Amino acid sequence: MIDTAAKIEPAADLTHRIGTRLRQARHDLGLSLSELAERTGCYSKSRISNYEQGLRRMGLEESAILASALGTVTPTWLLCLDDDPPCEPEEADLIARYRATDDEGRARLRELAQSLPAAKAKRAKKTA
């Protein structure tokens, strides 16, 4: 006889962890359920609440829509497939600014980012 309780528990735990991540990301942004629902343009606050409480598990499409509405996390992070923490607000702002600029601006930002480790090493040598 197969022990179904052993199979159900990990699934329930994962659903709970997914819901906790969604709630954490929403709280980090100071959003209410209504505000997040409005940002999605298609989900009700009740549905989002069900995800957060672990009563319902979001799928790939739902995680993509919610991650986009939040703007600070990825769908893979929401679904507990990637344990890298979500972006800090400053990181999310940089990403948004990068995406909003043209090709020339993006190239300049990449050049600047690539020069930062060398500048840090140079400063470290001066203080040593």
C-alpha atoms as a PDB file:
ATOM      1  CA  MET A   1       0.000   0.000   0.000  1.00  0.00           C
ATOM      2  CA  ILE A   2       1.328   3.462  -0.935  1.00  0.00           C
ATOM      3  CA  ASP A   3       1.644   6.037   1.817  1.00  0.00           C
ATOM      4  CA  THR A   4      -0.180   9.004   0.244  1.00  0.00           C
ATOM      5  CA  ALA A   5       0.369  11.228   3.301  1.00  0.00           C
ATOM      6  CA  ALA A   6       4.101  11.204   2.597  1.00  0.00           C
ATOM      7  CA  LYS A   7       3.432  12.373  -0.963  1.00  0.00           C
ATOM      8  CA  ILE A   8       0.899  15.045  -0.023  1.00  0.00           C
ATOM      9  CA  GLU A   9       2.941  16.703   2.734  1.00  0.00           C
ATOM     10  CA  PRO A  10       5.872  17.858   0.537  1.00  0.00           C
ATOM     11  CA  ALA A  11       3.425  19.272  -2.016  1.00  0.00           C
ATOM     12  CA  ALA A  12       1.529  21.139   0.697  1.00  0.00           C
ATOM     13  CA  ASP A  13       4.811  22.436   2.120  1.00  0.00           C
ATOM     14  CA  LEU A  14       5.888  23.703  -1.293  1.00  0.00           C
ATOM     15  CA  THR A  15       2.534  25.408  -1.843  1.00  0.00           C
ATOM     16  CA  HIS A  16       2.927  27.101   1.554  1.00  0.00           C
ATOM     17  CA  ARG A  17       6.505  28.230   0.755  1.00  0.00           C
ATOM     18  CA  ILE A  18       5.367  29.661  -2.588  1.00  0.00           C
ATOM     19  CA  GLY A  19       2.592  31.577  -0.841  1.00  0.00           C
ATOM     20  CA  THR A  20       5.007  32.871   1.773  1.00  0.00           C
ATOM     21  CA  ARG A  21       7.343  34.174  -0.917  1.00  0.00           C
ATOM     22  CA  LEU A  22       4.520  35.955  -2.691  1.00  0.00           C
ATOM     23  CA  ARG A  23       3.366  37.593   0.552  1.00  0.00           C
ATOM     24  CA  GLN A  24       6.949  38.579   1.423  1.00  0.00           C
ATOM     25  CA  ALA A  25       7.510  40.222  -1.957  1.00  0.00           C
ATOM     26  CA  ARG A  26       4.190  42.082  -1.718  1.00  0.00           C
ATOM     27  CA  HIS A  27       4.915  43.271   1.833  1.00  0.00           C
ATOM     28  CA  ASP A  28       8.448  44.350   0.860  1.00  0.00           C
ATOM     29  CA  LEU A  29       6.859  46.729  -1.636  1.00  0.00           C
ATOM     30  CA  GLY A  30       4.212  47.887   0.833  1.00  0.00           C
ATOM     31  CA  LEU A  31       1.396  46.752  -1.453  1.00  0.00           C
ATOM     32  CA  SER A  32      -2.053  45.689  -0.341  1.00  0.00           C
ATOM     33  CA  LEU A  33      -3.755  42.700  -1.942  1.00  0.00           C
ATOM     34  CA  SER A  34      -5.995  45.130  -3.841  1.00  0.00           C
ATOM     35  CA  GLU A  35      -3.019  47.075  -5.164  1.00  0.00           C
ATOM     36  CA  LEU A  36      -1.255  43.935  -6.368  1.00  0.00           C
ATOM     37  CA  ALA A  37      -4.470  42.677  -7.946  1.00  0.00           C
ATOM     38  CA  GLU A  38      -4.818  45.995  -9.770  1.00  0.00           C
ATOM     39  CA  ARG A  39      -1.223  45.783 -10.997  1.00  0.00           C
ATOM     40  CA  THR A  40      -1.843  42.345 -12.491  1.00  0.00           C
ATOM     41  CA  GLY A  41      -4.869  43.550 -14.383  1.00  0.00           C
ATOM     42  CA  CYS A  42      -6.395  40.084 -14.293  1.00  0.00           C
ATOM     43  CA  TYR A  43      -6.297  38.555 -10.800  1.00  0.00           C
ATOM     44  CA  SER A  44      -8.595  39.311  -7.891  1.00  0.00           C
ATOM     45  CA  LYS A  45      -7.322  40.026  -4.403  1.00  0.00           C
ATOM     46  CA  SER A  46      -9.127  36.850  -3.291  1.00  0.00           C
ATOM     47  CA  ARG A  47      -7.171  34.731  -5.743  1.00  0.00           C
ATOM     48  CA  ILE A  48      -3.862  36.295  -4.678  1.00  0.00           C
ATOM     49  CA  SER A  49      -4.821  35.780  -1.033  1.00  0.00           C
ATOM     50  CA  ASN A  50      -5.488  32.102  -1.770  1.00  0.00           C
ATOM     51  CA  TYR A  51      -1.983  31.805  -3.243  1.00  0.00           C
ATOM     52  CA  GLU A  52      -0.463  33.527  -0.213  1.00  0.00           C
ATOM     53  CA  GLN A  53      -2.315  31.287   2.249  1.00  0.00           C
ATOM     54  CA  GLY A  54      -1.289  28.149   0.393  1.00  0.00           C
ATOM     55  CA  LEU A  55      -4.897  27.295  -0.429  1.00  0.00           C
ATOM     56  CA  ARG A  56      -4.135  27.383  -4.128  1.00  0.00           C
ATOM     57  CA  ARG A  57      -0.828  26.975  -5.959  1.00  0.00           C
ATOM     58  CA  MET A  58       0.046  29.306  -8.794  1.00  0.00           C
ATOM     59  CA  GLY A  59       1.312  27.899 -12.068  1.00  0.00           C
ATOM     60  CA  LEU A  60       3.891  29.184 -14.517  1.00  0.00           C
ATOM     61  CA  GLU A  61       1.643  31.747 -16.171  1.00  0.00           C
ATOM     62  CA  GLU A  62       0.393  33.086 -12.861  1.00  0.00           C
ATOM     63  CA  SER A  63       3.924  33.374 -11.462  1.00  0.00           C
ATOM     64  CA  ALA A  64       5.041  35.292 -14.561  1.00  0.00           C
ATOM     65  CA  ILE A  65       2.150  37.757 -14.250  1.00  0.00           C
ATOM     66  CA  LEU A  66       2.637  38.231 -10.512  1.00  0.00           C
ATOM     67  CA  ALA A  67       6.422  38.626 -10.825  1.00  0.00           C
ATOM     68  CA  SER A  68       5.912  41.242 -13.520  1.00  0.00           C
ATOM     69  CA  ALA A  69       3.356  43.078 -11.382  1.00  0.00           C
ATOM     70  CA  LEU A  70       5.746  43.045  -8.426  1.00  0.00           C
ATOM     71  CA  GLY A  71       8.775  44.009 -10.505  1.00  0.00           C
ATOM     72  CA  THR A  72      11.299  42.868  -7.881  1.00  0.00           C
ATOM     73  CA  VAL A  73      11.192  39.074  -8.164  1.00  0.00           C
ATOM     74  CA  THR A  74      11.316  36.449 -10.879  1.00  0.00           C
ATOM     75  CA  PRO A  75       8.747  33.762 -11.597  1.00  0.00           C
ATOM     76  CA  THR A  76      11.334  31.105 -10.757  1.00  0.00           C
ATOM     77  CA  TRP A  77      11.956  32.684  -7.345  1.00  0.00           C
ATOM     78  CA  LEU A  78       8.218  32.845  -6.621  1.00  0.00           C
ATOM     79  CA  LEU A  79       7.863  29.154  -7.471  1.00  0.00           C
ATOM     80  CA  CYS A  80      10.824  28.236  -5.206  1.00  0.00           C
ATOM     81  CA  LEU A  81      12.842  27.056  -8.199  1.00  0.00           C
ATOM     82  CA  ASP A  82      15.550  29.662  -7.605  1.00  0.00           C
ATOM     83  CA  ASP A  83      16.734  30.436  -4.106  1.00  0.00           C
ATOM     84  CA  ASP A  84      18.462  33.686  -5.009  1.00  0.00           C
ATOM     85  CA  PRO A  85      16.799  36.431  -2.975  1.00  0.00           C
ATOM     86  CA  PRO A  86      14.618  38.982  -4.731  1.00  0.00           C
ATOM     87  CA  CYS A  87      16.083  42.276  -5.833  1.00  0.00           C
ATOM     88  CA  GLU A  88      16.468  45.060  -3.338  1.00  0.00           C
ATOM     89  CA  PRO A  89      14.458  48.150  -4.334  1.00  0.00           C
ATOM     90  CA  GLU A  90      17.653  49.891  -5.514  1.00  0.00           C
ATOM     91  CA  GLU A  91      18.508  46.910  -7.737  1.00  0.00           C
ATOM     92  CA  ALA A  92      15.003  46.839  -9.181  1.00  0.00           C
ATOM     93  CA  ASP A  93      15.277  50.569  -9.896  1.00  0.00           C
ATOM     94  CA  LEU A  94      18.563  50.028 -11.772  1.00  0.00           C
ATOM     95  CA  ILE A  95      17.028  47.224 -13.806  1.00  0.00           C
ATOM     96  CA  ALA A  96      13.992  49.357 -14.654  1.00  0.00           C
ATOM     97  CA  ARG A  97      16.213  52.263 -15.718  1.00  0.00           C
ATOM     98  CA  TYR A  98      18.369  49.931 -17.824  1.00  0.00           C
ATOM     99  CA  ARG A  99      15.297  48.533 -19.571  1.00  0.00           C
ATOM    100  CA  ALA A 100      13.874  52.014 -20.158  1.00  0.00           C
ATOM    101  CA  THR A 101      16.935  53.383 -21.961  1.00  0.00           C
ATOM    102  CA  ASP A 102      17.956  52.967 -25.598  1.00  0.00           C
ATOM    103  CA  ASP A 103      20.726  50.707 -26.966  1.00  0.00           C
ATOM    104  CA  GLU A 104      23.408  53.389 -26.534  1.00  0.00           C
ATOM    105  CA  GLY A 105      22.422  53.997 -22.919  1.00  0.00           C
ATOM    106  CA  ARG A 106      22.450  50.266 -22.196  1.00  0.00           C
ATOM    107  CA  ALA A 107      25.926  49.937 -23.695  1.00  0.00           C
ATOM    108  CA  ARG A 108      27.187  52.823 -21.536  1.00  0.00           C
ATOM    109  CA  LEU A 109      25.667  51.288 -18.399  1.00  0.00           C
ATOM    110  CA  ARG A 110      27.300  47.915 -19.157  1.00  0.00           C
ATOM    111  CA  GLU A 111      30.683  49.624 -19.660  1.00  0.00           C
ATOM    112  CA  LEU A 112      30.308  51.419 -16.346  1.00  0.00           C
ATOM    113  CA  ALA A 113      29.329  48.199 -14.553  1.00  0.00           C
ATOM    114  CA  GLN A 114      32.338  46.372 -16.023  1.00  0.00           C
ATOM    115  CA  SER A 115      34.710  49.116 -14.835  1.00  0.00           C
ATOM    116  CA  LEU A 116      33.515  49.015 -11.218  1.00  0.00           C
ATOM    117  CA  PRO A 117      35.537  45.975 -10.006  1.00  0.00           C
ATOM    118  CA  ALA A 118      38.750  47.500 -11.393  1.00  0.00           C
ATOM    119  CA  ALA A 119      37.984  50.831  -9.713  1.00  0.00           C
ATOM    120  CA  LYS A 120      37.326  49.047  -6.406  1.00  0.00           C
ATOM    121  CA  ALA A 121      40.642  47.180  -6.651  1.00  0.00           C
ATOM    122  CA  LYS A 122      42.454  50.445  -7.418  1.00  0.00           C
ATOM    123  CA  ARG A 123      40.926  52.112  -4.345  1.00  0.00           C
ATOM    124  CA  ALA A 124      41.874  49.125  -2.182  1.00  0.00           C
ATOM    125  CA  LYS A 125      45.524  49.395  -3.298  1.00  0.00           C
ATOM    126  CA  LYS A 126      45.603  53.099  -2.386  1.00  0.00           C
ATOM    127  CA  THR A 127      44.308  52.464   1.136  1.00  0.00           C
ATOM    128  CA  ALA A 128      46.628  49.480   1.745  1.00  0.00           C
END
